[in-house]
mmCIF file of all heavy atoms, coordinates in Angstrom:
data_MODEL
# 
_entry.id   MODEL 
# 
loop_
_atom_site.group_PDB 
_atom_site.id 
_atom_site.type_symbol 
_atom_site.label_atom_id 
_atom_site.label_alt_id 
_atom_site.label_comp_id 
_atom_site.label_asym_id 
_atom_site.label_entity_id 
_atom_site.label_seq_id 
_atom_site.pdbx_PDB_ins_code 
_atom_site.Cartn_x 
_atom_site.Cartn_y 
_atom_site.Cartn_z 
_atom_site.occupancy 
_atom_site.B_iso_or_equiv 
_atom_site.pdbx_formal_charge 
_atom_site.auth_seq_id 
_atom_site.auth_comp_id 
_atom_site.auth_asym_id 
_atom_site.auth_atom_id 
_atom_site.pdbx_PDB_model_num 
ATOM 1   N N   . ALA A 1 1  ? -22.716 -13.594 5.589  1.00 0.00 ? 1  ALA A N   1 
ATOM 2   C CA  . ALA A 1 1  ? -22.016 -14.684 6.284  1.00 0.00 ? 1  ALA A CA  1 
ATOM 3   C C   . ALA A 1 1  ? -22.239 -16.015 5.577  1.00 0.00 ? 1  ALA A C   1 
ATOM 4   O O   . ALA A 1 1  ? -23.348 -16.326 5.134  1.00 0.00 ? 1  ALA A O   1 
ATOM 5   C CB  . ALA A 1 1  ? -22.491 -14.765 7.732  1.00 0.00 ? 1  ALA A CB  1 
ATOM 6   N N   . GLU A 1 2  ? -21.163 -16.792 5.476  1.00 0.00 ? 2  GLU A N   1 
ATOM 7   C CA  . GLU A 1 2  ? -21.223 -18.087 4.802  1.00 0.00 ? 2  GLU A CA  1 
ATOM 8   C C   . GLU A 1 2  ? -20.605 -19.174 5.668  1.00 0.00 ? 2  GLU A C   1 
ATOM 9   O O   . GLU A 1 2  ? -19.798 -18.895 6.554  1.00 0.00 ? 2  GLU A O   1 
ATOM 10  C CB  . GLU A 1 2  ? -20.474 -18.023 3.462  1.00 0.00 ? 2  GLU A CB  1 
ATOM 11  C CG  . GLU A 1 2  ? -21.079 -17.044 2.468  1.00 0.00 ? 2  GLU A CG  1 
ATOM 12  C CD  . GLU A 1 2  ? -20.312 -17.001 1.172  1.00 0.00 ? 2  GLU A CD  1 
ATOM 13  O OE1 . GLU A 1 2  ? -19.133 -17.430 1.157  1.00 0.00 ? 2  GLU A OE1 1 
ATOM 14  O OE2 . GLU A 1 2  ? -20.879 -16.546 0.168  1.00 0.00 ? 2  GLU A OE2 1 
ATOM 15  N N   . ALA A 1 3  ? -20.970 -20.408 5.393  1.00 0.00 ? 3  ALA A N   1 
ATOM 16  C CA  . ALA A 1 3  ? -20.446 -21.545 6.147  1.00 0.00 ? 3  ALA A CA  1 
ATOM 17  C C   . ALA A 1 3  ? -19.082 -21.905 5.613  1.00 0.00 ? 3  ALA A C   1 
ATOM 18  O O   . ALA A 1 3  ? -18.955 -22.744 4.741  1.00 0.00 ? 3  ALA A O   1 
ATOM 19  C CB  . ALA A 1 3  ? -21.387 -22.737 6.028  1.00 0.00 ? 3  ALA A CB  1 
ATOM 20  N N   . GLY A 1 4  ? -18.064 -21.137 6.165  1.00 0.00 ? 4  GLY A N   1 
ATOM 21  C CA  . GLY A 1 4  ? -16.826 -21.485 5.547  1.00 0.00 ? 4  GLY A CA  1 
ATOM 22  C C   . GLY A 1 4  ? -15.492 -21.049 6.000  1.00 0.00 ? 4  GLY A C   1 
ATOM 23  O O   . GLY A 1 4  ? -14.790 -21.879 6.509  1.00 0.00 ? 4  GLY A O   1 
ATOM 24  N N   . ASP A 1 5  ? -15.092 -19.833 5.781  1.00 0.00 ? 5  ASP A N   1 
ATOM 25  C CA  . ASP A 1 5  ? -13.675 -19.487 5.832  1.00 0.00 ? 5  ASP A CA  1 
ATOM 26  C C   . ASP A 1 5  ? -13.181 -19.253 7.250  1.00 0.00 ? 5  ASP A C   1 
ATOM 27  O O   . ASP A 1 5  ? -13.119 -18.131 7.742  1.00 0.00 ? 5  ASP A O   1 
ATOM 28  C CB  . ASP A 1 5  ? -13.404 -18.252 4.974  1.00 0.00 ? 5  ASP A CB  1 
ATOM 29  C CG  . ASP A 1 5  ? -11.929 -18.145 4.599  1.00 0.00 ? 5  ASP A CG  1 
ATOM 30  O OD1 . ASP A 1 5  ? -11.107 -18.791 5.274  1.00 0.00 ? 5  ASP A OD1 1 
ATOM 31  O OD2 . ASP A 1 5  ? -11.609 -17.424 3.640  1.00 0.00 ? 5  ASP A OD2 1 
ATOM 32  N N   . TYR A 1 6  ? -12.782 -20.335 7.920  1.00 0.00 ? 6  TYR A N   1 
ATOM 33  C CA  . TYR A 1 6  ? -12.284 -20.239 9.289  1.00 0.00 ? 6  TYR A CA  1 
ATOM 34  C C   . TYR A 1 6  ? -10.914 -19.569 9.346  1.00 0.00 ? 6  TYR A C   1 
ATOM 35  O O   . TYR A 1 6  ? -10.572 -18.927 10.338 1.00 0.00 ? 6  TYR A O   1 
ATOM 36  C CB  . TYR A 1 6  ? -12.235 -21.633 9.937  1.00 0.00 ? 6  TYR A CB  1 
ATOM 37  C CG  . TYR A 1 6  ? -13.605 -22.137 10.296 1.00 0.00 ? 6  TYR A CG  1 
ATOM 38  C CD1 . TYR A 1 6  ? -14.386 -22.811 9.357  1.00 0.00 ? 6  TYR A CD1 1 
ATOM 39  C CD2 . TYR A 1 6  ? -14.134 -21.929 11.566 1.00 0.00 ? 6  TYR A CD2 1 
ATOM 40  C CE1 . TYR A 1 6  ? -15.656 -23.258 9.678  1.00 0.00 ? 6  TYR A CE1 1 
ATOM 41  C CE2 . TYR A 1 6  ? -15.397 -22.378 11.900 1.00 0.00 ? 6  TYR A CE2 1 
ATOM 42  C CZ  . TYR A 1 6  ? -16.159 -23.044 10.951 1.00 0.00 ? 6  TYR A CZ  1 
ATOM 43  O OH  . TYR A 1 6  ? -17.424 -23.479 11.273 1.00 0.00 ? 6  TYR A OH  1 
ATOM 44  N N   . LEU A 1 7  ? -10.137 -19.713 8.289  1.00 0.00 ? 7  LEU A N   1 
ATOM 45  C CA  . LEU A 1 7  ? -8.816  -19.096 8.273  1.00 0.00 ? 7  LEU A CA  1 
ATOM 46  C C   . LEU A 1 7  ? -8.953  -17.567 8.246  1.00 0.00 ? 7  LEU A C   1 
ATOM 47  O O   . LEU A 1 7  ? -8.248  -16.857 8.976  1.00 0.00 ? 7  LEU A O   1 
ATOM 48  C CB  . LEU A 1 7  ? -8.014  -19.581 7.064  1.00 0.00 ? 7  LEU A CB  1 
ATOM 49  C CG  . LEU A 1 7  ? -6.496  -19.351 7.124  1.00 0.00 ? 7  LEU A CG  1 
ATOM 50  C CD1 . LEU A 1 7  ? -5.891  -20.099 8.293  1.00 0.00 ? 7  LEU A CD1 1 
ATOM 51  C CD2 . LEU A 1 7  ? -5.850  -19.789 5.825  1.00 0.00 ? 7  LEU A CD2 1 
ATOM 52  N N   . ALA A 1 8  ? -9.859  -17.056 7.453  1.00 0.00 ? 8  ALA A N   1 
ATOM 53  C CA  . ALA A 1 8  ? -10.105 -15.608 7.416  1.00 0.00 ? 8  ALA A CA  1 
ATOM 54  C C   . ALA A 1 8  ? -10.628 -15.126 8.759  1.00 0.00 ? 8  ALA A C   1 
ATOM 55  O O   . ALA A 1 8  ? -10.266 -14.038 9.229  1.00 0.00 ? 8  ALA A O   1 
ATOM 56  C CB  . ALA A 1 8  ? -11.098 -15.270 6.314  1.00 0.00 ? 8  ALA A CB  1 
ATOM 57  N N   . ALA A 1 9  ? -11.465 -15.948 9.388  1.00 0.00 ? 9  ALA A N   1 
ATOM 58  C CA  . ALA A 1 9  ? -11.997 -15.597 10.701 1.00 0.00 ? 9  ALA A CA  1 
ATOM 59  C C   . ALA A 1 9  ? -10.872 -15.515 11.731 1.00 0.00 ? 9  ALA A C   1 
ATOM 60  O O   . ALA A 1 9  ? -10.821 -14.588 12.552 1.00 0.00 ? 9  ALA A O   1 
ATOM 61  C CB  . ALA A 1 9  ? -13.033 -16.628 11.133 1.00 0.00 ? 9  ALA A CB  1 
ATOM 62  N N   . ALA A 1 10 ? -9.957  -16.475 11.680 1.00 0.00 ? 10 ALA A N   1 
ATOM 63  C CA  . ALA A 1 10 ? -8.835  -16.479 12.624 1.00 0.00 ? 10 ALA A CA  1 
ATOM 64  C C   . ALA A 1 10 ? -7.906  -15.295 12.396 1.00 0.00 ? 10 ALA A C   1 
ATOM 65  O O   . ALA A 1 10 ? -7.324  -14.758 13.339 1.00 0.00 ? 10 ALA A O   1 
ATOM 66  C CB  . ALA A 1 10 ? -8.061  -17.795 12.499 1.00 0.00 ? 10 ALA A CB  1 
ATOM 67  N N   . LYS A 1 11 ? -7.764  -14.859 11.158 1.00 0.00 ? 11 LYS A N   1 
ATOM 68  C CA  . LYS A 1 11 ? -6.924  -13.699 10.856 1.00 0.00 ? 11 LYS A CA  1 
ATOM 69  C C   . LYS A 1 11 ? -7.524  -12.417 11.417 1.00 0.00 ? 11 LYS A C   1 
ATOM 70  O O   . LYS A 1 11 ? -6.804  -11.528 11.882 1.00 0.00 ? 11 LYS A O   1 
ATOM 71  C CB  . LYS A 1 11 ? -6.732  -13.560 9.343  1.00 0.00 ? 11 LYS A CB  1 
ATOM 72  C CG  . LYS A 1 11 ? -5.823  -14.603 8.723  1.00 0.00 ? 11 LYS A CG  1 
ATOM 73  C CD  . LYS A 1 11 ? -5.701  -14.409 7.213  1.00 0.00 ? 11 LYS A CD  1 
ATOM 74  C CE  . LYS A 1 11 ? -4.769  -15.441 6.599  1.00 0.00 ? 11 LYS A CE  1 
ATOM 75  N NZ  . LYS A 1 11 ? -4.663  -15.284 5.114  1.00 0.00 ? 11 LYS A NZ  1 
ATOM 76  N N   . ALA A 1 12 ? -8.844  -12.312 11.399 1.00 0.00 ? 12 ALA A N   1 
ATOM 77  C CA  . ALA A 1 12 ? -9.506  -11.086 11.845 1.00 0.00 ? 12 ALA A CA  1 
ATOM 78  C C   . ALA A 1 12 ? -9.347  -10.841 13.333 1.00 0.00 ? 12 ALA A C   1 
ATOM 79  O O   . ALA A 1 12 ? -9.458  -9.693  13.787 1.00 0.00 ? 12 ALA A O   1 
ATOM 80  C CB  . ALA A 1 12 ? -10.992 -11.136 11.478 1.00 0.00 ? 12 ALA A CB  1 
ATOM 81  N N   . ILE A 1 13 ? -9.075  -11.882 14.120 1.00 0.00 ? 13 ILE A N   1 
ATOM 82  C CA  . ILE A 1 13 ? -8.977  -11.709 15.570 1.00 0.00 ? 13 ILE A CA  1 
ATOM 83  C C   . ILE A 1 13 ? -7.530  -11.619 16.058 1.00 0.00 ? 13 ILE A C   1 
ATOM 84  O O   . ILE A 1 13 ? -7.272  -11.570 17.250 1.00 0.00 ? 13 ILE A O   1 
ATOM 85  C CB  . ILE A 1 13 ? -9.729  -12.829 16.319 1.00 0.00 ? 13 ILE A CB  1 
ATOM 86  C CG1 . ILE A 1 13 ? -9.068  -14.197 16.093 1.00 0.00 ? 13 ILE A CG1 1 
ATOM 87  C CG2 . ILE A 1 13 ? -11.191 -12.858 15.897 1.00 0.00 ? 13 ILE A CG2 1 
ATOM 88  C CD1 . ILE A 1 13 ? -9.701  -15.328 16.905 1.00 0.00 ? 13 ILE A CD1 1 
ATOM 89  N N   . MET A 1 14 ? -6.566  -11.570 15.131 1.00 0.00 ? 14 MET A N   1 
ATOM 90  C CA  . MET A 1 14 ? -5.154  -11.510 15.506 1.00 0.00 ? 14 MET A CA  1 
ATOM 91  C C   . MET A 1 14 ? -4.762  -10.120 16.008 1.00 0.00 ? 14 MET A C   1 
ATOM 92  O O   . MET A 1 14 ? -5.310  -9.114  15.581 1.00 0.00 ? 14 MET A O   1 
ATOM 93  C CB  . MET A 1 14 ? -4.280  -11.891 14.308 1.00 0.00 ? 14 MET A CB  1 
ATOM 94  C CG  . MET A 1 14 ? -4.364  -13.357 13.922 1.00 0.00 ? 14 MET A CG  1 
ATOM 95  S SD  . MET A 1 14 ? -3.694  -13.723 12.266 1.00 0.00 ? 14 MET A SD  1 
ATOM 96  C CE  . MET A 1 14 ? -1.996  -13.173 12.434 1.00 0.00 ? 14 MET A CE  1 
ATOM 97  N N   . THR A 1 15 ? -3.798  -10.098 16.942 1.00 0.00 ? 15 THR A N   1 
ATOM 98  C CA  . THR A 1 15 ? -3.164  -8.831  17.348 1.00 0.00 ? 15 THR A CA  1 
ATOM 99  C C   . THR A 1 15 ? -1.675  -8.943  17.027 1.00 0.00 ? 15 THR A C   1 
ATOM 100 O O   . THR A 1 15 ? -1.267  -8.714  15.902 1.00 0.00 ? 15 THR A O   1 
ATOM 101 C CB  . THR A 1 15 ? -3.421  -8.512  18.833 1.00 0.00 ? 15 THR A CB  1 
ATOM 102 O OG1 . THR A 1 15 ? -3.068  -9.640  19.634 1.00 0.00 ? 15 THR A OG1 1 
ATOM 103 C CG2 . THR A 1 15 ? -4.886  -8.157  19.062 1.00 0.00 ? 15 THR A CG2 1 
ATOM 104 N N   . THR A 1 16 ? -0.861  -9.346  17.993 1.00 0.00 ? 16 THR A N   1 
ATOM 105 C CA  . THR A 1 16 ? 0.568   -9.529  17.708 1.00 0.00 ? 16 THR A CA  1 
ATOM 106 C C   . THR A 1 16 ? 0.873   -10.929 17.179 1.00 0.00 ? 16 THR A C   1 
ATOM 107 O O   . THR A 1 16 ? 2.039   -11.275 16.997 1.00 0.00 ? 16 THR A O   1 
ATOM 108 C CB  . THR A 1 16 ? 1.425   -9.252  18.963 1.00 0.00 ? 16 THR A CB  1 
ATOM 109 O OG1 . THR A 1 16 ? 1.022   -10.129 20.017 1.00 0.00 ? 16 THR A OG1 1 
ATOM 110 C CG2 . THR A 1 16 ? 1.284   -7.804  19.413 1.00 0.00 ? 16 THR A CG2 1 
ATOM 111 N N   . ASP A 1 17 ? -0.143  -11.720 16.952 1.00 0.00 ? 17 ASP A N   1 
ATOM 112 C CA  . ASP A 1 17 ? 0.039   -13.048 16.357 1.00 0.00 ? 17 ASP A CA  1 
ATOM 113 C C   . ASP A 1 17 ? 0.736   -12.918 15.003 1.00 0.00 ? 17 ASP A C   1 
ATOM 114 O O   . ASP A 1 17 ? 0.517   -11.947 14.273 1.00 0.00 ? 17 ASP A O   1 
ATOM 115 C CB  . ASP A 1 17 ? -1.313  -13.721 16.128 1.00 0.00 ? 17 ASP A CB  1 
ATOM 116 C CG  . ASP A 1 17 ? -2.163  -13.802 17.372 1.00 0.00 ? 17 ASP A CG  1 
ATOM 117 O OD1 . ASP A 1 17 ? -2.538  -12.744 17.920 1.00 0.00 ? 17 ASP A OD1 1 
ATOM 118 O OD2 . ASP A 1 17 ? -2.457  -14.922 17.788 1.00 0.00 ? 17 ASP A OD2 1 
ATOM 119 N N   . THR A 1 18 ? 1.530   -13.911 14.667 1.00 0.00 ? 18 THR A N   1 
ATOM 120 C CA  . THR A 1 18 ? 2.195   -13.897 13.365 1.00 0.00 ? 18 THR A CA  1 
ATOM 121 C C   . THR A 1 18 ? 1.542   -14.845 12.370 1.00 0.00 ? 18 THR A C   1 
ATOM 122 O O   . THR A 1 18 ? 1.872   -14.820 11.181 1.00 0.00 ? 18 THR A O   1 
ATOM 123 C CB  . THR A 1 18 ? 3.687   -14.270 13.491 1.00 0.00 ? 18 THR A CB  1 
ATOM 124 O OG1 . THR A 1 18 ? 3.811   -15.666 13.817 1.00 0.00 ? 18 THR A OG1 1 
ATOM 125 C CG2 . THR A 1 18 ? 4.380   -13.427 14.555 1.00 0.00 ? 18 THR A CG2 1 
ATOM 126 N N   . PHE A 1 19 ? 0.627   -15.687 12.845 1.00 0.00 ? 19 PHE A N   1 
ATOM 127 C CA  . PHE A 1 19 ? -0.101  -16.573 11.936 1.00 0.00 ? 19 PHE A CA  1 
ATOM 128 C C   . PHE A 1 19 ? -1.458  -16.923 12.546 1.00 0.00 ? 19 PHE A C   1 
ATOM 129 O O   . PHE A 1 19 ? -1.612  -16.956 13.771 1.00 0.00 ? 19 PHE A O   1 
ATOM 130 C CB  . PHE A 1 19 ? 0.698   -17.855 11.624 1.00 0.00 ? 19 PHE A CB  1 
ATOM 131 C CG  . PHE A 1 19 ? 0.990   -18.724 12.822 1.00 0.00 ? 19 PHE A CG  1 
ATOM 132 C CD1 . PHE A 1 19 ? 0.097   -19.718 13.224 1.00 0.00 ? 19 PHE A CD1 1 
ATOM 133 C CD2 . PHE A 1 19 ? 2.177   -18.575 13.532 1.00 0.00 ? 19 PHE A CD2 1 
ATOM 134 C CE1 . PHE A 1 19 ? 0.372   -20.526 14.314 1.00 0.00 ? 19 PHE A CE1 1 
ATOM 135 C CE2 . PHE A 1 19 ? 2.467   -19.384 14.626 1.00 0.00 ? 19 PHE A CE2 1 
ATOM 136 C CZ  . PHE A 1 19 ? 1.552   -20.362 15.020 1.00 0.00 ? 19 PHE A CZ  1 
ATOM 137 N N   . PRO A 1 20 ? -2.460  -17.171 11.692 1.00 0.00 ? 20 PRO A N   1 
ATOM 138 C CA  . PRO A 1 20 ? -3.780  -17.571 12.195 1.00 0.00 ? 20 PRO A CA  1 
ATOM 139 C C   . PRO A 1 20 ? -3.726  -18.998 12.709 1.00 0.00 ? 20 PRO A C   1 
ATOM 140 O O   . PRO A 1 20 ? -3.014  -19.844 12.159 1.00 0.00 ? 20 PRO A O   1 
ATOM 141 C CB  . PRO A 1 20 ? -4.684  -17.448 10.970 1.00 0.00 ? 20 PRO A CB  1 
ATOM 142 C CG  . PRO A 1 20 ? -3.758  -17.638 9.807  1.00 0.00 ? 20 PRO A CG  1 
ATOM 143 C CD  . PRO A 1 20 ? -2.439  -17.044 10.231 1.00 0.00 ? 20 PRO A CD  1 
ATOM 144 N N   . LYS A 1 21 ? -4.496  -19.274 13.748 1.00 0.00 ? 21 LYS A N   1 
ATOM 145 C CA  . LYS A 1 21 ? -4.448  -20.577 14.409 1.00 0.00 ? 21 LYS A CA  1 
ATOM 146 C C   . LYS A 1 21 ? -5.788  -21.285 14.268 1.00 0.00 ? 21 LYS A C   1 
ATOM 147 O O   . LYS A 1 21 ? -6.797  -20.821 14.799 1.00 0.00 ? 21 LYS A O   1 
ATOM 148 C CB  . LYS A 1 21 ? -4.087  -20.382 15.885 1.00 0.00 ? 21 LYS A CB  1 
ATOM 149 C CG  . LYS A 1 21 ? -2.744  -19.680 16.065 1.00 0.00 ? 21 LYS A CG  1 
ATOM 150 C CD  . LYS A 1 21 ? -2.576  -19.140 17.470 1.00 0.00 ? 21 LYS A CD  1 
ATOM 151 C CE  . LYS A 1 21 ? -1.270  -18.374 17.599 1.00 0.00 ? 21 LYS A CE  1 
ATOM 152 N NZ  . LYS A 1 21 ? -1.232  -17.158 16.729 1.00 0.00 ? 21 LYS A NZ  1 
ATOM 153 N N   . VAL A 1 22 ? -5.798  -22.387 13.551 1.00 0.00 ? 22 VAL A N   1 
ATOM 154 C CA  . VAL A 1 22 ? -7.017  -23.163 13.333 1.00 0.00 ? 22 VAL A CA  1 
ATOM 155 C C   . VAL A 1 22 ? -6.708  -24.645 13.514 1.00 0.00 ? 22 VAL A C   1 
ATOM 156 O O   . VAL A 1 22 ? -5.567  -25.090 13.355 1.00 0.00 ? 22 VAL A O   1 
ATOM 157 C CB  . VAL A 1 22 ? -7.614  -22.931 11.926 1.00 0.00 ? 22 VAL A CB  1 
ATOM 158 C CG1 . VAL A 1 22 ? -8.110  -21.495 11.778 1.00 0.00 ? 22 VAL A CG1 1 
ATOM 159 C CG2 . VAL A 1 22 ? -6.606  -23.267 10.834 1.00 0.00 ? 22 VAL A CG2 1 
ATOM 160 N N   . ALA A 1 23 ? -7.738  -25.407 13.858 1.00 0.00 ? 23 ALA A N   1 
ATOM 161 C CA  . ALA A 1 23 ? -7.599  -26.860 14.010 1.00 0.00 ? 23 ALA A CA  1 
ATOM 162 C C   . ALA A 1 23 ? -8.957  -27.494 13.782 1.00 0.00 ? 23 ALA A C   1 
ATOM 163 O O   . ALA A 1 23 ? -10.002 -26.860 13.980 1.00 0.00 ? 23 ALA A O   1 
ATOM 164 C CB  . ALA A 1 23 ? -7.070  -27.214 15.398 1.00 0.00 ? 23 ALA A CB  1 
ATOM 165 N N   . THR A 1 24 ? -8.955  -28.750 13.363 1.00 0.00 ? 24 THR A N   1 
ATOM 166 C CA  . THR A 1 24 ? -10.213 -29.443 13.090 1.00 0.00 ? 24 THR A CA  1 
ATOM 167 C C   . THR A 1 24 ? -10.078 -30.928 13.378 1.00 0.00 ? 24 THR A C   1 
ATOM 168 O O   . THR A 1 24 ? -8.965  -31.484 13.365 1.00 0.00 ? 24 THR A O   1 
ATOM 169 C CB  . THR A 1 24 ? -10.647 -29.230 11.620 1.00 0.00 ? 24 THR A CB  1 
ATOM 170 O OG1 . THR A 1 24 ? -11.951 -29.795 11.416 1.00 0.00 ? 24 THR A OG1 1 
ATOM 171 C CG2 . THR A 1 24 ? -9.657  -29.860 10.646 1.00 0.00 ? 24 THR A CG2 1 
# 
């Protein structure tokens, strides 16, 4: 685990989502 890839994390929890959802 590294301090970093939130986009990859958001992709891993998708089901019928069509895009990963992140905000900062």
